[in-house]
Every structure is written in C-alpha cells, then in structure tokens.
C-alpha cells in the first residue's frame, strides 16, 4: 500500500476518493441500521451531501481519456438522478421507493465505479498495489 501515490494526486481526485469512501461507509451503515430514526435521517443527509461532492468532482477528473469525458462519467447524471429520487421519495414518505433508490445509489453509483477505480493502471490500483 502506497499512500504517497494518493497524496501526490490532484486535490480534486483526493476529495473525490475521500467523499466516495465516506459515502460508502455511511451507505453500508444505513443499509444495515434501523430506518426512519433521527440518526438515519442525519446520516442520510451526510450521505446525500457526500454523493453530491463525489459526482461533482467526478466531472473534473478526466485523466483516463486525454482530458475528455470517458464512459465512467455516465455515472454522474445517473447519480444526480438517483439522489433526486432518493430525497423526493424520503420527503414524500415513500419508504419502499426511497429504499430502492438508496440501494441503487449504493451499488450503482459507489460499488460499480469503485470497482472500476481499482483496475490496473488507475490511481487506486497504484495505491493498493504499491
């Protein structure tokens, strides 16, 4: 493990990775914890804010396609759409739909792109593999 590689990366990448990892931890806690309580709502707000940071910073990370958008950037509008649904359904008291949106974000906006971040040659691979 080589954290120096991560610390040498551009600030936008560091913020993106830390926000995504934090959102992942909160998302897992939310997934297994009790629903509807004050802690759930508070952590949910933190999750949404972290996901907004994650998706927004992703727009500015373009190293893998010579400064252009790459296919992984398709997750950005999908994330914003999922966040909109997540908040809309929570505020309307539609717990079932809210839960589906939350699971969709956890898996589709964090786990899948997160796995892609560990492909050999990418930054997170260099951090882990040294």
C-alpha atoms as a PDB file:
ATOM      1  CA  UNK A   1       0.000   0.000   0.000  1.00  0.00           C
ATOM      2  CA  UNK A   2       1.442   3.353  -1.053  1.00  0.00           C
ATOM      3  CA  UNK A   3      -0.403   6.401   0.284  1.00  0.00           C
ATOM      4  CA  UNK A   4       2.243   8.678  -1.236  1.00  0.00           C
ATOM      5  CA  UNK A   5       0.707   7.996  -4.654  1.00  0.00           C
ATOM      6  CA  UNK A   6      -2.673   9.150  -3.355  1.00  0.00           C
ATOM      7  CA  UNK A   7      -1.225  12.226  -1.655  1.00  0.00           C
ATOM      8  CA  UNK A   8       0.587  13.173  -4.884  1.00  0.00           C
ATOM      9  CA  UNK A   9      -2.654  13.032  -6.886  1.00  0.00           C
ATOM     10  CA  UNK A  10      -4.505  16.243  -7.761  1.00  0.00           C
ATOM     11  CA  UNK A  11      -6.684  17.649  -4.974  1.00  0.00           C
ATOM     12  CA  UNK A  12      -9.893  17.003  -6.921  1.00  0.00           C
ATOM     13  CA  UNK A  13      -9.063  13.278  -7.022  1.00  0.00           C
ATOM     14  CA  UNK A  14      -8.275  13.208  -3.309  1.00  0.00           C
ATOM     15  CA  UNK A  15     -11.566  14.947  -2.456  1.00  0.00           C
ATOM     16  CA  UNK A  16     -13.464  12.641  -4.820  1.00  0.00           C
ATOM     17  CA  UNK A  17     -11.985   9.467  -3.352  1.00  0.00           C
ATOM     18  CA  UNK A  18     -12.444  10.536   0.279  1.00  0.00           C
ATOM     19  CA  UNK A  19     -16.042  11.616  -0.337  1.00  0.00           C
ATOM     20  CA  UNK A  20     -16.826   8.356  -2.146  1.00  0.00           C
ATOM     21  CA  UNK A  21     -15.247   6.197   0.563  1.00  0.00           C
ATOM     22  CA  UNK A  22     -17.043   8.148   3.289  1.00  0.00           C
ATOM     23  CA  UNK A  23     -20.361   7.822   1.444  1.00  0.00           C
ATOM     24  CA  UNK A  24     -19.743   4.093   1.054  1.00  0.00           C
ATOM     25  CA  UNK A  25     -19.195   3.649   4.791  1.00  0.00           C
ATOM     26  CA  UNK A  26     -22.302   5.681   5.624  1.00  0.00           C
ATOM     27  CA  UNK A  27     -24.284   3.812   2.977  1.00  0.00           C
ATOM     28  CA  UNK A  28     -23.398   0.444   4.479  1.00  0.00           C
ATOM     29  CA  UNK A  29     -24.286   1.691   7.984  1.00  0.00           C
ATOM     30  CA  UNK A  30     -27.611   2.970   6.629  1.00  0.00           C
ATOM     31  CA  UNK A  31     -28.245  -0.300   4.807  1.00  0.00           C
ATOM     32  CA  UNK A  32     -27.890  -2.447   7.939  1.00  0.00           C
ATOM     33  CA  UNK A  33     -29.130   0.010  10.579  1.00  0.00           C
ATOM     34  CA  UNK A  34     -32.637   0.914  11.718  1.00  0.00           C
ATOM     35  CA  UNK A  35     -34.658   3.035   9.302  1.00  0.00           C
ATOM     36  CA  UNK A  36     -36.555   6.266   9.904  1.00  0.00           C
ATOM     37  CA  UNK A  37     -34.810   7.310  13.121  1.00  0.00           C
ATOM     38  CA  UNK A  38     -33.085  10.637  13.664  1.00  0.00           C
ATOM     39  CA  UNK A  39     -29.627   9.055  13.204  1.00  0.00           C
ATOM     40  CA  UNK A  40     -30.826   7.511   9.916  1.00  0.00           C
ATOM     41  CA  UNK A  41     -32.058  10.883   8.666  1.00  0.00           C
ATOM     42  CA  UNK A  42     -28.900  12.663   9.826  1.00  0.00           C
ATOM     43  CA  UNK A  43     -26.579  10.110   8.231  1.00  0.00           C
ATOM     44  CA  UNK A  44     -28.794  10.190   5.149  1.00  0.00           C
ATOM     45  CA  UNK A  45     -28.237  13.915   4.792  1.00  0.00           C
ATOM     46  CA  UNK A  46     -24.476  13.386   5.111  1.00  0.00           C
ATOM     47  CA  UNK A  47     -24.698  10.597   2.505  1.00  0.00           C
ATOM     48  CA  UNK A  48     -26.514  12.854   0.040  1.00  0.00           C
ATOM     49  CA  UNK A  49     -24.008  15.689   0.524  1.00  0.00           C
ATOM     50  CA  UNK A  50     -21.059  13.318   0.102  1.00  0.00           C
ATOM     51  CA  UNK A  51     -22.613  11.868  -3.053  1.00  0.00           C
ATOM     52  CA  UNK A  52     -23.094  15.368  -4.477  1.00  0.00           C
ATOM     53  CA  UNK A  53     -19.400  16.055  -3.820  1.00  0.00           C
ATOM     54  CA  UNK A  54     -18.437  12.687  -5.332  1.00  0.00           C
ATOM     55  CA  UNK A  55     -20.474  13.204  -8.514  1.00  0.00           C
ATOM     56  CA  UNK A  56     -19.457  16.847  -8.914  1.00  0.00           C
ATOM     57  CA  UNK A  57     -15.745  16.182  -8.512  1.00  0.00           C
ATOM     58  CA  UNK A  58     -16.001  13.273 -10.973  1.00  0.00           C
ATOM     59  CA  UNK A  59     -16.857  15.794 -13.696  1.00  0.00           C
ATOM     60  CA  UNK A  60     -13.393  17.311 -13.318  1.00  0.00           C
ATOM     61  CA  UNK A  61     -11.450  14.029 -13.317  1.00  0.00           C
ATOM     62  CA  UNK A  62     -10.554  13.320 -16.934  1.00  0.00           C
ATOM     63  CA  UNK A  63      -7.108  11.741 -16.829  1.00  0.00           C
ATOM     64  CA  UNK A  64      -8.106   8.395 -18.368  1.00  0.00           C
ATOM     65  CA  UNK A  65      -9.407   9.840 -21.659  1.00  0.00           C
ATOM     66  CA  UNK A  66      -6.902  12.564 -22.567  1.00  0.00           C
ATOM     67  CA  UNK A  67      -8.923  15.385 -20.995  1.00  0.00           C
ATOM     68  CA  UNK A  68     -12.298  14.271 -22.340  1.00  0.00           C
ATOM     69  CA  UNK A  69     -15.190  12.523 -20.674  1.00  0.00           C
ATOM     70  CA  UNK A  70     -14.957   8.750 -20.501  1.00  0.00           C
ATOM     71  CA  UNK A  71     -17.657   6.085 -20.230  1.00  0.00           C
ATOM     72  CA  UNK A  72     -17.354   6.113 -16.421  1.00  0.00           C
ATOM     73  CA  UNK A  73     -18.713   9.679 -16.499  1.00  0.00           C
ATOM     74  CA  UNK A  74     -22.128   8.206 -17.356  1.00  0.00           C
ATOM     75  CA  UNK A  75     -22.422   7.529 -13.637  1.00  0.00           C
ATOM     76  CA  UNK A  76     -22.518  11.292 -12.914  1.00  0.00           C
ATOM     77  CA  UNK A  77     -26.016  12.073 -14.288  1.00  0.00           C
ATOM     78  CA  UNK A  78     -27.256   8.700 -13.034  1.00  0.00           C
ATOM     79  CA  UNK A  79     -26.037   9.615  -9.550  1.00  0.00           C
ATOM     80  CA  UNK A  80     -27.755  13.006  -9.613  1.00  0.00           C
ATOM     81  CA  UNK A  81     -30.979  11.407 -10.848  1.00  0.00           C
ATOM     82  CA  UNK A  82     -30.765   8.777  -8.109  1.00  0.00           C
ATOM     83  CA  UNK A  83     -30.165  11.425  -5.461  1.00  0.00           C
ATOM     84  CA  UNK A  84     -33.174  13.391  -6.670  1.00  0.00           C
ATOM     85  CA  UNK A  85     -35.373  10.297  -6.386  1.00  0.00           C
ATOM     86  CA  UNK A  86     -33.887   9.350  -3.019  1.00  0.00           C
ATOM     87  CA  UNK A  87     -34.690  12.737  -1.476  1.00  0.00           C
ATOM     88  CA  UNK A  88     -38.063  13.089  -3.218  1.00  0.00           C
ATOM     89  CA  UNK A  89     -39.294   9.693  -2.016  1.00  0.00           C
ATOM     90  CA  UNK A  90     -37.964  10.225   1.522  1.00  0.00           C
ATOM     91  CA  UNK A  91     -39.728  13.577   1.846  1.00  0.00           C
ATOM     92  CA  UNK A  92     -42.965  12.094   0.498  1.00  0.00           C
ATOM     93  CA  UNK A  93     -42.819   9.218   2.979  1.00  0.00           C
ATOM     94  CA  UNK A  94     -42.452   6.560   0.282  1.00  0.00           C
ATOM     95  CA  UNK A  95     -40.061   4.330   2.213  1.00  0.00           C
ATOM     96  CA  UNK A  96     -40.086   1.458  -0.266  1.00  0.00           C
ATOM     97  CA  UNK A  97     -39.145   3.613  -3.238  1.00  0.00           C
ATOM     98  CA  UNK A  98     -36.674   5.555  -1.094  1.00  0.00           C
ATOM     99  CA  UNK A  99     -35.003   2.294  -0.095  1.00  0.00           C
ATOM    100  CA  UNK A 100     -34.762   1.147  -3.724  1.00  0.00           C
ATOM    101  CA  UNK A 101     -33.161   4.458  -4.689  1.00  0.00           C
ATOM    102  CA  UNK A 102     -30.718   4.167  -1.781  1.00  0.00           C
ATOM    103  CA  UNK A 103     -29.716   0.625  -2.784  1.00  0.00           C
ATOM    104  CA  UNK A 104     -29.377   1.739  -6.394  1.00  0.00           C
ATOM    105  CA  UNK A 105     -27.022   4.532  -5.387  1.00  0.00           C
ATOM    106  CA  UNK A 106     -25.025   2.318  -3.062  1.00  0.00           C
ATOM    107  CA  UNK A 107     -24.466  -0.335  -5.695  1.00  0.00           C
ATOM    108  CA  UNK A 108     -24.730   1.588  -8.959  1.00  0.00           C
ATOM    109  CA  UNK A 109     -23.035   4.840  -8.022  1.00  0.00           C
ATOM    110  CA  UNK A 110     -20.484   3.658  -5.449  1.00  0.00           C
ATOM    111  CA  UNK A 111     -19.672  -0.029  -5.772  1.00  0.00           C
ATOM    112  CA  UNK A 112     -19.539  -0.379  -9.559  1.00  0.00           C
ATOM    113  CA  UNK A 113     -17.469   2.786 -10.211  1.00  0.00           C
ATOM    114  CA  UNK A 114     -15.443   1.942  -7.096  1.00  0.00           C
ATOM    115  CA  UNK A 115     -14.530  -1.443  -8.515  1.00  0.00           C
ATOM    116  CA  UNK A 116     -13.569   0.226 -11.799  1.00  0.00           C
ATOM    117  CA  UNK A 117     -11.237   2.533  -9.844  1.00  0.00           C
ATOM    118  CA  UNK A 118      -9.129  -0.499  -8.908  1.00  0.00           C
ATOM    119  CA  UNK A 119      -8.368  -1.561 -12.492  1.00  0.00           C
ATOM    120  CA  UNK A 120      -4.593  -1.943 -13.047  1.00  0.00           C
ATOM    121  CA  UNK A 121      -3.104   1.338 -14.208  1.00  0.00           C
ATOM    122  CA  UNK A 122      -5.567   3.537 -12.307  1.00  0.00           C
ATOM    123  CA  UNK A 123      -4.705   5.533  -9.179  1.00  0.00           C
ATOM    124  CA  UNK A 124      -6.425   3.322  -6.616  1.00  0.00           C
ATOM    125  CA  UNK A 125      -4.670   0.270  -8.073  1.00  0.00           C
ATOM    126  CA  UNK A 126      -1.341   2.070  -7.585  1.00  0.00           C
ATOM    127  CA  UNK A 127      -2.284   2.946  -4.000  1.00  0.00           C
ATOM    128  CA  UNK A 128      -3.165  -0.647  -3.138  1.00  0.00           C
ATOM    129  CA  UNK A 129      -0.594  -2.494  -5.249  1.00  0.00           C
ATOM    130  CA  UNK A 130       2.203  -0.086  -4.430  1.00  0.00           C
END
